[in-house]
Amino acid sequence: MTVPLLFSKEFMGTVSLLCLLLMSAVGVVYVSHLNRHVFSQFQAALQERDRLDIEWGQLLLEQSAQAQHARVEQIARKRLAMKAPDASEIILVQW
């Protein structure tokens, strides 16, 4: 008795290998898609880091400008009506 061609070992082996090849190809496409997606997220994070670095530098410059002694003294004189004490108003405390 002969086995029909559809159920022969060679045919089943070929079909199995074809299925494995197809699954492998789908896996490669899926992993490539994930890789591209993660890489684009990485690039966006790098751009955000660069933007934040620039903003940090600008904030440091602004802080430096706002904390200058002359500016603080000017604000103290205008807004708070402060003035430097006269020599007669200074009391020296020694231990």
PDB file of N, CA and C in Angstrom:
ATOM      1  N   MET A   1       0.849  -1.164   0.000  1.00  0.00           N
ATOM      2  CA  MET A   1       0.000   0.000   0.000  1.00  0.00           C
ATOM      3  C   MET A   1       0.900   1.234   0.000  1.00  0.00           C
ATOM      4  N   THR A   2       0.560   2.197  -0.802  1.00  0.00           N
ATOM      5  CA  THR A   2       1.365   3.401  -0.890  1.00  0.00           C
ATOM      6  C   THR A   2       0.705   4.527  -0.110  1.00  0.00           C
ATOM      7  N   VAL A   3       1.550   5.361   0.478  1.00  0.00           N
ATOM      8  CA  VAL A   3       1.060   6.519   1.243  1.00  0.00           C
ATOM      9  C   VAL A   3       0.792   7.638   0.250  1.00  0.00           C
ATOM     10  N   PRO A   4      -0.372   8.316   0.373  1.00  0.00           N
ATOM     11  CA  PRO A   4      -0.635   9.420  -0.548  1.00  0.00           C
ATOM     12  C   PRO A   4       0.440  10.501  -0.399  1.00  0.00           C
ATOM     13  N   LEU A   5       0.659  11.241  -1.463  1.00  0.00           N
ATOM     14  CA  LEU A   5       1.699  12.271  -1.488  1.00  0.00           C
ATOM     15  C   LEU A   5       1.471  13.335  -0.422  1.00  0.00           C
ATOM     16  N   LEU A   6       0.218  13.628  -0.083  1.00  0.00           N
ATOM     17  CA  LEU A   6      -0.122  14.664   0.882  1.00  0.00           C
ATOM     18  C   LEU A   6       0.345  14.316   2.281  1.00  0.00           C
ATOM     19  N   PHE A   7       0.448  13.034   2.632  1.00  0.00           N
ATOM     20  CA  PHE A   7       0.822  12.621   3.973  1.00  0.00           C
ATOM     21  C   PHE A   7       2.212  11.995   4.038  1.00  0.00           C
ATOM     22  N   SER A   8       3.021  12.165   3.032  1.00  0.00           N
ATOM     23  CA  SER A   8       4.356  11.562   3.055  1.00  0.00           C
ATOM     24  C   SER A   8       5.264  12.352   3.995  1.00  0.00           C
ATOM     25  N   LYS A   9       6.286  11.666   4.470  1.00  0.00           N
ATOM     26  CA  LYS A   9       7.219  12.299   5.410  1.00  0.00           C
ATOM     27  C   LYS A   9       7.943  13.479   4.760  1.00  0.00           C
ATOM     28  N   GLU A  10       8.308  13.332   3.511  1.00  0.00           N
ATOM     29  CA  GLU A  10       9.023  14.408   2.824  1.00  0.00           C
ATOM     30  C   GLU A  10       8.154  15.660   2.705  1.00  0.00           C
ATOM     31  N   PHE A  11       6.882  15.437   2.342  1.00  0.00           N
ATOM     32  CA  PHE A  11       5.969  16.572   2.188  1.00  0.00           C
ATOM     33  C   PHE A  11       5.722  17.255   3.537  1.00  0.00           C
ATOM     34  N   MET A  12       5.510  16.487   4.594  1.00  0.00           N
ATOM     35  CA  MET A  12       5.274  17.058   5.927  1.00  0.00           C
ATOM     36  C   MET A  12       6.522  17.790   6.427  1.00  0.00           C
ATOM     37  N   GLY A  13       7.690  17.241   6.147  1.00  0.00           N
ATOM     38  CA  GLY A  13       8.933  17.913   6.529  1.00  0.00           C
ATOM     39  C   GLY A  13       9.095  19.241   5.803  1.00  0.00           C
ATOM     40  N   THR A  14       8.766  19.229   4.513  1.00  0.00           N
ATOM     41  CA  THR A  14       8.870  20.455   3.716  1.00  0.00           C
ATOM     42  C   THR A  14       7.881  21.507   4.216  1.00  0.00           C
ATOM     43  N   VAL A  15       6.669  21.105   4.517  1.00  0.00           N
ATOM     44  CA  VAL A  15       5.662  22.036   5.031  1.00  0.00           C
ATOM     45  C   VAL A  15       6.096  22.579   6.387  1.00  0.00           C
ATOM     46  N   SER A  16       6.638  21.715   7.236  1.00  0.00           N
ATOM     47  CA  SER A  16       7.105  22.165   8.558  1.00  0.00           C
ATOM     48  C   SER A  16       8.222  23.193   8.413  1.00  0.00           C
ATOM     49  N   LEU A  17       9.174  22.894   7.541  1.00  0.00           N
ATOM     50  CA  LEU A  17      10.275  23.850   7.332  1.00  0.00           C
ATOM     51  C   LEU A  17       9.770  25.168   6.749  1.00  0.00           C
ATOM     52  N   LEU A  18       8.800  25.100   5.873  1.00  0.00           N
ATOM     53  CA  LEU A  18       8.218  26.304   5.288  1.00  0.00           C
ATOM     54  C   LEU A  18       7.509  27.141   6.359  1.00  0.00           C
ATOM     55  N   CYS A  19       6.792  26.479   7.260  1.00  0.00           N
ATOM     56  CA  CYS A  19       6.124  27.191   8.364  1.00  0.00           C
ATOM     57  C   CYS A  19       7.148  27.844   9.291  1.00  0.00           C
ATOM     58  N   LEU A  20       8.206  27.114   9.603  1.00  0.00           N
ATOM     59  CA  LEU A  20       9.258  27.682  10.456  1.00  0.00           C
ATOM     60  C   LEU A  20       9.929  28.867   9.783  1.00  0.00           C
ATOM     61  N   LEU A  21      10.156  28.768   8.483  1.00  0.00           N
ATOM     62  CA  LEU A  21      10.757  29.876   7.740  1.00  0.00           C
ATOM     63  C   LEU A  21       9.847  31.098   7.756  1.00  0.00           C
ATOM     64  N   LEU A  22       8.560  30.882   7.575  1.00  0.00           N
ATOM     65  CA  LEU A  22       7.597  31.985   7.589  1.00  0.00           C
ATOM     66  C   LEU A  22       7.532  32.633   8.977  1.00  0.00           C
ATOM     67  N   MET A  23       7.510  31.817  10.026  1.00  0.00           N
ATOM     68  CA  MET A  23       7.487  32.365  11.392  1.00  0.00           C
ATOM     69  C   MET A  23       8.763  33.146  11.687  1.00  0.00           C
ATOM     70  N   SER A  24       9.886  32.643  11.228  1.00  0.00           N
ATOM     71  CA  SER A  24      11.150  33.343  11.420  1.00  0.00           C
ATOM     72  C   SER A  24      11.145  34.685  10.698  1.00  0.00           C
ATOM     73  N   ALA A  25      10.623  34.728   9.492  1.00  0.00           N
ATOM     74  CA  ALA A  25      10.563  35.978   8.729  1.00  0.00           C
ATOM     75  C   ALA A  25       9.658  36.994   9.430  1.00  0.00           C
ATOM     76  N   VAL A  26       8.506  36.538   9.916  1.00  0.00           N
ATOM     77  CA  VAL A  26       7.601  37.438  10.641  1.00  0.00           C
ATOM     78  C   VAL A  26       8.288  37.951  11.911  1.00  0.00           C
ATOM     79  N   GLY A  27       9.022  37.092  12.597  1.00  0.00           N
ATOM     80  CA  GLY A  27       9.755  37.517  13.794  1.00  0.00           C
ATOM     81  C   GLY A  27      10.796  38.571  13.482  1.00  0.00           C
ATOM     82  N   VAL A  28      11.519  38.409  12.392  1.00  0.00           N
ATOM     83  CA  VAL A  28      12.534  39.387  12.002  1.00  0.00           C
ATOM     84  C   VAL A  28      11.883  40.734  11.694  1.00  0.00           C
ATOM     85  N   VAL A  29      10.776  40.718  10.991  1.00  0.00           N
ATOM     86  CA  VAL A  29      10.072  41.970  10.664  1.00  0.00           C
ATOM     87  C   VAL A  29       9.579  42.641  11.936  1.00  0.00           C
ATOM     88  N   TYR A  30       9.029  41.869  12.863  1.00  0.00           N
ATOM     89  CA  TYR A  30       8.514  42.428  14.114  1.00  0.00           C
ATOM     90  C   TYR A  30       9.641  43.031  14.949  1.00  0.00           C
ATOM     91  N   VAL A  31      10.743  42.332  15.090  1.00  0.00           N
ATOM     92  CA  VAL A  31      11.873  42.837  15.876  1.00  0.00           C
ATOM     93  C   VAL A  31      12.467  44.086  15.216  1.00  0.00           C
ATOM     94  N   SER A  32      12.523  44.118  13.897  1.00  0.00           N
ATOM     95  CA  SER A  32      13.008  45.312  13.198  1.00  0.00           C
ATOM     96  C   SER A  32      12.099  46.500  13.470  1.00  0.00           C
ATOM     97  N   HIS A  33      10.791  46.267  13.469  1.00  0.00           N
ATOM     98  CA  HIS A  33       9.834  47.334  13.775  1.00  0.00           C
ATOM     99  C   HIS A  33      10.044  47.862  15.191  1.00  0.00           C
ATOM    100  N   LEU A  34      10.176  46.949  16.154  1.00  0.00           N
ATOM    101  CA  LEU A  34      10.407  47.363  17.539  1.00  0.00           C
ATOM    102  C   LEU A  34      11.708  48.144  17.669  1.00  0.00           C
ATOM    103  N   ASN A  35      12.742  47.697  16.975  1.00  0.00           N
ATOM    104  CA  ASN A  35      14.036  48.367  17.028  1.00  0.00           C
ATOM    105  C   ASN A  35      13.919  49.800  16.510  1.00  0.00           C
ATOM    106  N   ARG A  36      13.232  49.994  15.403  1.00  0.00           N
ATOM    107  CA  ARG A  36      13.049  51.343  14.845  1.00  0.00           C
ATOM    108  C   ARG A  36      12.263  52.220  15.803  1.00  0.00           C
ATOM    109  N   HIS A  37      11.243  51.651  16.421  1.00  0.00           N
ATOM    110  CA  HIS A  37      10.424  52.418  17.358  1.00  0.00           C
ATOM    111  C   HIS A  37      11.247  52.854  18.574  1.00  0.00           C
ATOM    112  N   VAL A  38      12.005  51.950  19.145  1.00  0.00           N
ATOM    113  CA  VAL A  38      12.824  52.271  20.314  1.00  0.00           C
ATOM    114  C   VAL A  38      13.917  53.274  19.946  1.00  0.00           C
ATOM    115  N   PHE A  39      14.482  53.143  18.753  1.00  0.00           N
ATOM    116  CA  PHE A  39      15.513  54.080  18.322  1.00  0.00           C
ATOM    117  C   PHE A  39      14.934  55.485  18.162  1.00  0.00           C
ATOM    118  N   SER A  40      13.713  55.596  17.639  1.00  0.00           N
ATOM    119  CA  SER A  40      13.105  56.921  17.504  1.00  0.00           C
ATOM    120  C   SER A  40      12.808  57.518  18.875  1.00  0.00           C
ATOM    121  N   GLN A  41      12.408  56.700  19.841  1.00  0.00           N
ATOM    122  CA  GLN A  41      12.225  57.189  21.209  1.00  0.00           C
ATOM    123  C   GLN A  41      13.551  57.661  21.800  1.00  0.00           C
ATOM    124  N   PHE A  42      14.611  56.930  21.520  1.00  0.00           N
ATOM    125  CA  PHE A  42      15.943  57.298  22.002  1.00  0.00           C
ATOM    126  C   PHE A  42      16.370  58.645  21.422  1.00  0.00           C
ATOM    127  N   GLN A  43      16.138  58.846  20.130  1.00  0.00           N
ATOM    128  CA  GLN A  43      16.489  60.116  19.495  1.00  0.00           C
ATOM    129  C   GLN A  43      15.680  61.265  20.101  1.00  0.00           C
ATOM    130  N   ALA A  44      14.412  61.035  20.369  1.00  0.00           N
ATOM    131  CA  ALA A  44      13.576  62.069  20.991  1.00  0.00           C
ATOM    132  C   ALA A  44      14.086  62.401  22.393  1.00  0.00           C
ATOM    133  N   ALA A  45      14.513  61.388  23.131  1.00  0.00           N
ATOM    134  CA  ALA A  45      15.051  61.625  24.473  1.00  0.00           C
ATOM    135  C   ALA A  45      16.358  62.424  24.404  1.00  0.00           C
ATOM    136  N   LEU A  46      17.192  62.137  23.412  1.00  0.00           N
ATOM    137  CA  LEU A  46      18.426  62.906  23.243  1.00  0.00           C
ATOM    138  C   LEU A  46      18.132  64.364  22.923  1.00  0.00           C
ATOM    139  N   GLN A  47      17.145  64.609  22.071  1.00  0.00           N
ATOM    140  CA  GLN A  47      16.772  65.988  21.744  1.00  0.00           C
ATOM    141  C   GLN A  47      16.225  66.707  22.975  1.00  0.00           C
ATOM    142  N   GLU A  48      15.433  66.014  23.769  1.00  0.00           N
ATOM    143  CA  GLU A  48      14.900  66.607  25.001  1.00  0.00           C
ATOM    144  C   GLU A  48      16.036  66.927  25.976  1.00  0.00           C
ATOM    145  N   ARG A  49      17.017  66.026  26.082  1.00  0.00           N
ATOM    146  CA  ARG A  49      18.168  66.280  26.950  1.00  0.00           C
ATOM    147  C   ARG A  49      18.934  67.515  26.496  1.00  0.00           C
ATOM    148  N   ASP A  50      19.149  67.631  25.190  1.00  0.00           N
ATOM    149  CA  ASP A  50      19.858  68.801  24.668  1.00  0.00           C
ATOM    150  C   ASP A  50      19.080  70.081  24.936  1.00  0.00           C
ATOM    151  N   ARG A  51      17.755  70.034  24.764  1.00  0.00           N
ATOM    152  CA  ARG A  51      16.921  71.211  25.028  1.00  0.00           C
ATOM    153  C   ARG A  51      16.996  71.608  26.499  1.00  0.00           C
ATOM    154  N   LEU A  52      16.952  70.610  27.386  1.00  0.00           N
ATOM    155  CA  LEU A  52      17.031  70.886  28.822  1.00  0.00           C
ATOM    156  C   LEU A  52      18.409  71.412  29.222  1.00  0.00           C
ATOM    157  N   ASP A  53      19.467  70.917  28.583  1.00  0.00           N
ATOM    158  CA  ASP A  53      20.814  71.440  28.850  1.00  0.00           C
ATOM    159  C   ASP A  53      20.908  72.914  28.476  1.00  0.00           C
ATOM    160  N   ILE A  54      20.335  73.274  27.337  1.00  0.00           N
ATOM    161  CA  ILE A  54      20.348  74.676  26.907  1.00  0.00           C
ATOM    162  C   ILE A  54      19.550  75.530  27.887  1.00  0.00           C
ATOM    163  N   GLU A  55      18.378  75.036  28.283  1.00  0.00           N
ATOM    164  CA  GLU A  55      17.552  75.787  29.236  1.00  0.00           C
ATOM    165  C   GLU A  55      18.270  75.941  30.570  1.00  0.00           C
ATOM    166  N   TRP A  56      18.969  74.902  31.013  1.00  0.00           N
ATOM    167  CA  TRP A  56      19.716  74.955  32.270  1.00  0.00           C
ATOM    168  C   TRP A  56      20.802  76.032  32.201  1.00  0.00           C
ATOM    169  N   GLY A  57      21.519  76.094  31.090  1.00  0.00           N
ATOM    170  CA  GLY A  57      22.544  77.121  30.922  1.00  0.00           C
ATOM    171  C   GLY A  57      21.952  78.520  30.948  1.00  0.00           C
ATOM    172  N   GLN A  58      20.796  78.688  30.312  1.00  0.00           N
ATOM    173  CA  GLN A  58      20.141  79.998  30.319  1.00  0.00           C
ATOM    174  C   GLN A  58      19.683  80.373  31.724  1.00  0.00           C
ATOM    175  N   LEU A  59      19.182  79.406  32.475  1.00  0.00           N
ATOM    176  CA  LEU A  59      18.762  79.681  33.847  1.00  0.00           C
ATOM    177  C   LEU A  59      19.941  80.038  34.738  1.00  0.00           C
ATOM    178  N   LEU A  60      21.079  79.379  34.520  1.00  0.00           N
ATOM    179  CA  LEU A  60      22.272  79.730  35.300  1.00  0.00           C
ATOM    180  C   LEU A  60      22.723  81.160  35.005  1.00  0.00           C
ATOM    181  N   LEU A  61      22.667  81.546  33.732  1.00  0.00           N
ATOM    182  CA  LEU A  61      23.018  82.919  33.378  1.00  0.00           C
ATOM    183  C   LEU A  61      22.053  83.917  34.007  1.00  0.00           C
ATOM    184  N   GLU A  62      20.778  83.599  33.973  1.00  0.00           N
ATOM    185  CA  GLU A  62      19.783  84.485  34.568  1.00  0.00           C
ATOM    186  C   GLU A  62      19.979  84.594  36.074  1.00  0.00           C
ATOM    187  N   GLN A  63      20.274  83.476  36.717  1.00  0.00           N
ATOM    188  CA  GLN A  63      20.514  83.499  38.160  1.00  0.00           C
ATOM    189  C   GLN A  63      21.726  84.362  38.485  1.00  0.00           C
ATOM    190  N   SER A  64      22.745  84.235  37.695  1.00  0.00           N
ATOM    191  CA  SER A  64      23.948  85.042  37.908  1.00  0.00           C
ATOM    192  C   SER A  64      23.647  86.526  37.766  1.00  0.00           C
ATOM    193  N   ALA A  65      22.865  86.866  36.758  1.00  0.00           N
ATOM    194  CA  ALA A  65      22.520  88.270  36.544  1.00  0.00           C
ATOM    195  C   ALA A  65      21.634  88.796  37.667  1.00  0.00           C
ATOM    196  N   GLN A  66      20.700  87.983  38.146  1.00  0.00           N
ATOM    197  CA  GLN A  66      19.784  88.428  39.192  1.00  0.00           C
ATOM    198  C   GLN A  66      20.480  88.565  40.550  1.00  0.00           C
ATOM    199  N   ALA A  67      21.535  87.819  40.767  1.00  0.00           N
ATOM    200  CA  ALA A  67      22.189  87.814  42.077  1.00  0.00           C
ATOM    201  C   ALA A  67      23.382  88.759  42.158  1.00  0.00           C
ATOM    202  N   GLN A  68      23.596  89.589  41.161  1.00  0.00           N
ATOM    203  CA  GLN A  68      24.725  90.514  41.221  1.00  0.00           C
ATOM    204  C   GLN A  68      24.526  91.494  42.375  1.00  0.00           C
ATOM    205  N   HIS A  69      25.628  91.788  43.062  1.00  0.00           N
ATOM    206  CA  HIS A  69      25.585  92.632  44.262  1.00  0.00           C
ATOM    207  C   HIS A  69      24.968  93.995  43.964  1.00  0.00           C
ATOM    208  N   ALA A  70      25.347  94.608  42.867  1.00  0.00           N
ATOM    209  CA  ALA A  70      24.833  95.937  42.537  1.00  0.00           C
ATOM    210  C   ALA A  70      23.322  95.898  42.323  1.00  0.00           C
ATOM    211  N   ARG A  71      22.816  94.863  41.709  1.00  0.00           N
ATOM    212  CA  ARG A  71      21.374  94.760  41.465  1.00  0.00           C
ATOM    213  C   ARG A  71      20.623  94.552  42.771  1.00  0.00           C
ATOM    214  N   VAL A  72      21.155  93.704  43.645  1.00  0.00           N
ATOM    215  CA  VAL A  72      20.516  93.463  44.937  1.00  0.00           C
ATOM    216  C   VAL A  72      20.488  94.757  45.745  1.00  0.00           C
ATOM    217  N   GLU A  73      21.586  95.492  45.728  1.00  0.00           N
ATOM    218  CA  GLU A  73      21.640  96.761  46.467  1.00  0.00           C
ATOM    219  C   GLU A  73      20.646  97.764  45.892  1.00  0.00           C
ATOM    220  N   GLN A  74      20.536  97.829  44.583  1.00  0.00           N
ATOM    221  CA  GLN A  74      19.609  98.755  43.938  1.00  0.00           C
ATOM    222  C   GLN A  74      18.154  98.430  44.327  1.00  0.00           C
ATOM    223  N   ILE A  75      17.805  97.162  44.320  1.00  0.00           N
ATOM    224  CA  ILE A  75      16.444  96.765  44.702  1.00  0.00           C
ATOM    225  C   ILE A  75      16.198  97.073  46.178  1.00  0.00           C
ATOM    226  N   ALA A  76      17.198  96.829  47.018  1.00  0.00           N
ATOM    227  CA  ALA A  76      17.054  97.120  48.452  1.00  0.00           C
ATOM    228  C   ALA A  76      16.822  98.606  48.675  1.00  0.00           C
ATOM    229  N   ARG A  77      17.497  99.454  47.940  1.00  0.00           N
ATOM    230  CA  ARG A  77      17.328 100.904  48.099  1.00  0.00           C
ATOM    231  C   ARG A  77      15.955 101.355  47.581  1.00  0.00           C
ATOM    232  N   LYS A  78      15.543 100.872  46.417  1.00  0.00           N
ATOM    233  CA  LYS A  78      14.300 101.358  45.812  1.00  0.00           C
ATOM    234  C   LYS A  78      13.056 100.756  46.454  1.00  0.00           C
ATOM    235  N   ARG A  79      12.978  99.451  46.522  1.00  0.00           N
ATOM    236  CA  ARG A  79      11.754  98.802  46.974  1.00  0.00           C
ATOM    237  C   ARG A  79      11.607  98.785  48.489  1.00  0.00           C
ATOM    238  N   LEU A  80      12.722  98.598  49.174  1.00  0.00           N
ATOM    239  CA  LEU A  80      12.652  98.448  50.624  1.00  0.00           C
ATOM    240  C   LEU A  80      13.109  99.698  51.374  1.00  0.00           C
ATOM    241  N   ALA A  81      13.498 100.707  50.651  1.00  0.00           N
ATOM    242  CA  ALA A  81      13.966 101.970  51.241  1.00  0.00           C
ATOM    243  C   ALA A  81      15.107 101.730  52.234  1.00  0.00           C
ATOM    244  N   MET A  82      16.002 100.831  51.887  1.00  0.00           N
ATOM    245  CA  MET A  82      17.154 100.539  52.747  1.00  0.00           C
ATOM    246  C   MET A  82      18.317 101.423  52.331  1.00  0.00           C
ATOM    247  N   LYS A  83      19.197 101.653  53.288  1.00  0.00           N
ATOM    248  CA  LYS A  83      20.402 102.425  52.993  1.00  0.00           C
ATOM    249  C   LYS A  83      21.530 101.894  53.853  1.00  0.00           C
ATOM    250  N   ALA A  84      22.728 102.190  53.437  1.00  0.00           N
ATOM    251  CA  ALA A  84      23.889 101.784  54.236  1.00  0.00           C
ATOM    252  C   ALA A  84      23.929 102.666  55.483  1.00  0.00           C
ATOM    253  N   PRO A  85      24.240 102.097  56.643  1.00  0.00           N
ATOM    254  CA  PRO A  85      24.265 102.904  57.867  1.00  0.00           C
ATOM    255  C   PRO A  85      25.463 103.869  57.872  1.00  0.00           C
ATOM    256  N   ASP A  86      25.275 104.991  58.538  1.00  0.00           N
ATOM    257  CA  ASP A  86      26.382 105.930  58.727  1.00  0.00           C
ATOM    258  C   ASP A  86      27.377 105.317  59.706  1.00  0.00           C
ATOM    259  N   ALA A  87      28.552 105.906  59.714  1.00  0.00           N
ATOM    260  CA  ALA A  87      29.595 105.387  60.610  1.00  0.00           C
ATOM    261  C   ALA A  87      29.184 105.518  62.066  1.00  0.00           C
ATOM    262  N   SER A  88      28.412 106.541  62.406  1.00  0.00           N
ATOM    263  CA  SER A  88      27.991 106.729  63.804  1.00  0.00           C
ATOM    264  C   SER A  88      26.930 105.709  64.224  1.00  0.00           C
ATOM    265  N   GLU A  89      26.265 105.089  63.266  1.00  0.00           N
ATOM    266  CA  GLU A  89      25.206 104.110  63.567  1.00  0.00           C
ATOM    267  C   GLU A  89      25.747 102.684  63.685  1.00  0.00           C
ATOM    268  N   ILE A  90      26.999 102.486  63.375  1.00  0.00           N
ATOM    269  CA  ILE A  90      27.580 101.131  63.398  1.00  0.00           C
ATOM    270  C   ILE A  90      28.110 100.851  64.794  1.00  0.00           C
ATOM    271  N   ILE A  91      27.702  99.735  65.345  1.00  0.00           N
ATOM    272  CA  ILE A  91      28.171  99.307  66.663  1.00  0.00           C
ATOM    273  C   ILE A  91      28.979  98.032  66.473  1.00  0.00           C
ATOM    274  N   LEU A  92      30.205  98.055  66.938  1.00  0.00           N
ATOM    275  CA  LEU A  92      31.089  96.906  66.804  1.00  0.00           C
ATOM    276  C   LEU A  92      30.980  96.035  68.047  1.00  0.00           C
ATOM    277  N   VAL A  93      30.739  94.779  67.866  1.00  0.00           N
ATOM    278  CA  VAL A  93      30.609  93.848  68.985  1.00  0.00           C
ATOM    279  C   VAL A  93      31.830  92.939  68.959  1.00  0.00           C
ATOM    280  N   GLN A  94      32.523  92.846  70.086  1.00  0.00           N
ATOM    281  CA  GLN A  94      33.703  91.976  70.164  1.00  0.00           C
ATOM    282  C   GLN A  94      33.517  91.014  71.331  1.00  0.00           C
ATOM    283  N   TRP A  95      34.094  89.863  71.206  1.00  0.00           N
ATOM    284  CA  TRP A  95      34.015  88.849  72.261  1.00  0.00           C
ATOM    285  C   TRP A  95      35.171  88.961  73.182  1.00  0.00           C
TER     286      TRP A  95
END
